[in-house]
């Protein structure tokens, strides 16, 4: 069964932090890399971060390097995105999805809204 369920979005002030969670089916975690994408109205979905399933290699978009951290808890079948020093331009719908670097490999969750505003 293919399942990706995001949680943890919300409203936060600039400079604040949020942690997004993605509960994934065991099948996906065993065979795919899982990461995070985001999309704002009128723009294409962009790859934010990806955690390779085979060797743990991480990818981060230049815009989030040094501020966001991706991690995984295998016992909980969950992938996290810790977002620190948030900026208004980080406002978007964040999607958990299967990934290869900055690209999608086909599976998506339903998305969670992150709004950074004072």
C-alpha atoms as a PDB file:
ATOM      1  CA  UNK A   1       0.000   0.000   0.000  1.00  0.00           C
ATOM      2  CA  UNK A   2       1.299   3.420  -0.970  1.00  0.00           C
ATOM      3  CA  UNK A   3       0.734   6.026   1.717  1.00  0.00           C
ATOM      4  CA  UNK A   4       2.281   9.376   2.552  1.00  0.00           C
ATOM      5  CA  UNK A   5       0.591  11.496   5.229  1.00  0.00           C
ATOM      6  CA  UNK A   6       1.976  14.891   6.204  1.00  0.00           C
ATOM      7  CA  UNK A   7       1.405  16.780   9.425  1.00  0.00           C
ATOM      8  CA  UNK A   8       2.927  19.660  11.365  1.00  0.00           C
ATOM      9  CA  UNK A   9       2.171  22.663   9.194  1.00  0.00           C
ATOM     10  CA  UNK A  10       0.812  25.896  10.565  1.00  0.00           C
ATOM     11  CA  UNK A  11       1.368  29.594  11.088  1.00  0.00           C
ATOM     12  CA  UNK A  12       4.708  30.755  12.457  1.00  0.00           C
ATOM     13  CA  UNK A  13       6.427  34.116  12.787  1.00  0.00           C
ATOM     14  CA  UNK A  14       9.563  34.953  10.789  1.00  0.00           C
ATOM     15  CA  UNK A  15      12.596  33.466  12.515  1.00  0.00           C
ATOM     16  CA  UNK A  16      10.520  30.698  14.068  1.00  0.00           C
ATOM     17  CA  UNK A  17      10.650  26.935  13.643  1.00  0.00           C
ATOM     18  CA  UNK A  18       8.343  24.117  12.599  1.00  0.00           C
ATOM     19  CA  UNK A  19       8.806  20.395  12.232  1.00  0.00           C
ATOM     20  CA  UNK A  20       6.917  18.603   9.486  1.00  0.00           C
ATOM     21  CA  UNK A  21       6.256  14.883   9.723  1.00  0.00           C
ATOM     22  CA  UNK A  22       5.550  12.409   6.940  1.00  0.00           C
ATOM     23  CA  UNK A  23       4.249   8.992   7.901  1.00  0.00           C
ATOM     24  CA  UNK A  24       5.025   6.673   5.018  1.00  0.00           C
ATOM     25  CA  UNK A  25       4.123   3.104   4.219  1.00  0.00           C
ATOM     26  CA  UNK A  26       6.843   0.569   4.845  1.00  0.00           C
ATOM     27  CA  UNK A  27       6.841  -0.354   1.168  1.00  0.00           C
ATOM     28  CA  UNK A  28       7.785   3.168   0.124  1.00  0.00           C
ATOM     29  CA  UNK A  29      10.518   3.521   2.713  1.00  0.00           C
ATOM     30  CA  UNK A  30      12.044   0.187   1.729  1.00  0.00           C
ATOM     31  CA  UNK A  31      12.224   0.934  -1.992  1.00  0.00           C
ATOM     32  CA  UNK A  32      12.169   4.726  -2.446  1.00  0.00           C
ATOM     33  CA  UNK A  33      13.914   7.813  -1.220  1.00  0.00           C
ATOM     34  CA  UNK A  34      11.431  10.123   0.495  1.00  0.00           C
ATOM     35  CA  UNK A  35      11.674  13.876   0.832  1.00  0.00           C
ATOM     36  CA  UNK A  36       9.876  17.187   0.750  1.00  0.00           C
ATOM     37  CA  UNK A  37       8.601  19.496  -1.937  1.00  0.00           C
ATOM     38  CA  UNK A  38       6.760  22.796  -1.778  1.00  0.00           C
ATOM     39  CA  UNK A  39       4.483  24.805  -4.013  1.00  0.00           C
ATOM     40  CA  UNK A  40       3.055  28.316  -4.026  1.00  0.00           C
ATOM     41  CA  UNK A  41       0.198  29.531  -6.244  1.00  0.00           C
ATOM     42  CA  UNK A  42       1.264  30.063  -9.817  1.00  0.00           C
ATOM     43  CA  UNK A  43       4.597  28.313  -9.402  1.00  0.00           C
ATOM     44  CA  UNK A  44       5.834  24.830 -10.092  1.00  0.00           C
ATOM     45  CA  UNK A  45       6.394  22.425  -7.250  1.00  0.00           C
ATOM     46  CA  UNK A  46      10.039  22.544  -6.187  1.00  0.00           C
ATOM     47  CA  UNK A  47      12.210  20.016  -4.441  1.00  0.00           C
ATOM     48  CA  UNK A  48      13.196  21.151  -0.961  1.00  0.00           C
ATOM     49  CA  UNK A  49      15.005  18.163   0.469  1.00  0.00           C
ATOM     50  CA  UNK A  50      15.503  14.464  -0.204  1.00  0.00           C
ATOM     51  CA  UNK A  51      16.926  11.652   1.909  1.00  0.00           C
ATOM     52  CA  UNK A  52      18.312   8.767  -0.106  1.00  0.00           C
ATOM     53  CA  UNK A  53      17.084   5.384   1.100  1.00  0.00           C
ATOM     54  CA  UNK A  54      20.223   3.462   0.130  1.00  0.00           C
ATOM     55  CA  UNK A  55      23.041   5.505   1.659  1.00  0.00           C
ATOM     56  CA  UNK A  56      21.427   8.365   3.580  1.00  0.00           C
ATOM     57  CA  UNK A  57      22.707  11.029   1.210  1.00  0.00           C
ATOM     58  CA  UNK A  58      20.810  14.280   1.587  1.00  0.00           C
ATOM     59  CA  UNK A  59      19.795  16.913  -0.927  1.00  0.00           C
ATOM     60  CA  UNK A  60      18.783  20.449   0.015  1.00  0.00           C
ATOM     61  CA  UNK A  61      17.669  23.303  -2.202  1.00  0.00           C
ATOM     62  CA  UNK A  62      20.073  26.237  -1.998  1.00  0.00           C
ATOM     63  CA  UNK A  63      17.325  28.386  -0.503  1.00  0.00           C
ATOM     64  CA  UNK A  64      17.013  26.178   2.600  1.00  0.00           C
ATOM     65  CA  UNK A  65      20.585  24.974   3.166  1.00  0.00           C
ATOM     66  CA  UNK A  66      21.709  25.599   6.728  1.00  0.00           C
ATOM     67  CA  UNK A  67      18.125  26.153   7.917  1.00  0.00           C
ATOM     68  CA  UNK A  68      16.260  22.902   7.157  1.00  0.00           C
ATOM     69  CA  UNK A  69      17.207  19.389   8.200  1.00  0.00           C
ATOM     70  CA  UNK A  70      15.701  16.149   6.929  1.00  0.00           C
ATOM     71  CA  UNK A  71      15.737  12.997   9.019  1.00  0.00           C
ATOM     72  CA  UNK A  72      14.061   9.633   9.305  1.00  0.00           C
ATOM     73  CA  UNK A  73      12.813   7.398  12.108  1.00  0.00           C
ATOM     74  CA  UNK A  74      12.607   3.852  10.798  1.00  0.00           C
ATOM     75  CA  UNK A  75      10.725   2.508  13.823  1.00  0.00           C
ATOM     76  CA  UNK A  76       7.971   5.042  13.252  1.00  0.00           C
ATOM     77  CA  UNK A  77       8.107   4.908   9.421  1.00  0.00           C
ATOM     78  CA  UNK A  78       8.339   8.684   9.506  1.00  0.00           C
ATOM     79  CA  UNK A  79      10.413  11.269   7.657  1.00  0.00           C
ATOM     80  CA  UNK A  80      10.819  14.688   9.258  1.00  0.00           C
ATOM     81  CA  UNK A  81      11.697  18.145   8.012  1.00  0.00           C
ATOM     82  CA  UNK A  82      12.967  20.436  10.749  1.00  0.00           C
ATOM     83  CA  UNK A  83      12.623  24.025   9.545  1.00  0.00           C
ATOM     84  CA  UNK A  84      14.456  26.756  11.449  1.00  0.00           C
ATOM     85  CA  UNK A  85      14.941  30.474  10.841  1.00  0.00           C
ATOM     86  CA  UNK A  86      11.807  30.507   8.723  1.00  0.00           C
ATOM     87  CA  UNK A  87      11.281  33.346   6.259  1.00  0.00           C
ATOM     88  CA  UNK A  88       8.096  34.656   4.630  1.00  0.00           C
ATOM     89  CA  UNK A  89       9.305  33.220   1.335  1.00  0.00           C
ATOM     90  CA  UNK A  90       9.135  29.745   2.876  1.00  0.00           C
ATOM     91  CA  UNK A  91       5.341  30.074   2.871  1.00  0.00           C
ATOM     92  CA  UNK A  92       3.944  27.266   0.724  1.00  0.00           C
ATOM     93  CA  UNK A  93       2.087  23.989   0.719  1.00  0.00           C
ATOM     94  CA  UNK A  94       4.636  21.361   1.652  1.00  0.00           C
ATOM     95  CA  UNK A  95       4.320  17.889   0.218  1.00  0.00           C
ATOM     96  CA  UNK A  96       6.001  14.703   1.230  1.00  0.00           C
ATOM     97  CA  UNK A  97       6.935  12.605  -1.763  1.00  0.00           C
ATOM     98  CA  UNK A  98       9.268  10.069  -3.251  1.00  0.00           C
ATOM     99  CA  UNK A  99      12.332  11.764  -4.660  1.00  0.00           C
ATOM    100  CA  UNK A 100      15.656  11.631  -6.394  1.00  0.00           C
ATOM    101  CA  UNK A 101      17.585  14.769  -5.553  1.00  0.00           C
ATOM    102  CA  UNK A 102      15.312  17.662  -6.443  1.00  0.00           C
ATOM    103  CA  UNK A 103      13.009  15.565  -8.622  1.00  0.00           C
ATOM    104  CA  UNK A 104       9.864  13.629  -7.880  1.00  0.00           C
ATOM    105  CA  UNK A 105       9.692   9.899  -8.542  1.00  0.00           C
ATOM    106  CA  UNK A 106       5.944   9.767  -8.592  1.00  0.00           C
ATOM    107  CA  UNK A 107       4.270   9.450  -5.175  1.00  0.00           C
ATOM    108  CA  UNK A 108       2.804  12.328  -3.156  1.00  0.00           C
ATOM    109  CA  UNK A 109       1.022  13.075   0.061  1.00  0.00           C
ATOM    110  CA  UNK A 110      -1.893  15.477   0.356  1.00  0.00           C
ATOM    111  CA  UNK A 111       0.187  18.452   1.509  1.00  0.00           C
ATOM    112  CA  UNK A 112       0.306  20.658   4.574  1.00  0.00           C
ATOM    113  CA  UNK A 113       0.206  24.454   4.623  1.00  0.00           C
ATOM    114  CA  UNK A 114       3.105  26.392   6.124  1.00  0.00           C
ATOM    115  CA  UNK A 115       2.609  30.132   6.543  1.00  0.00           C
ATOM    116  CA  UNK A 116       5.396  32.392   7.771  1.00  0.00           C
ATOM    117  CA  UNK A 117       4.015  35.768   8.701  1.00  0.00           C
ATOM    118  CA  UNK A 118       4.045  38.319  11.485  1.00  0.00           C
END
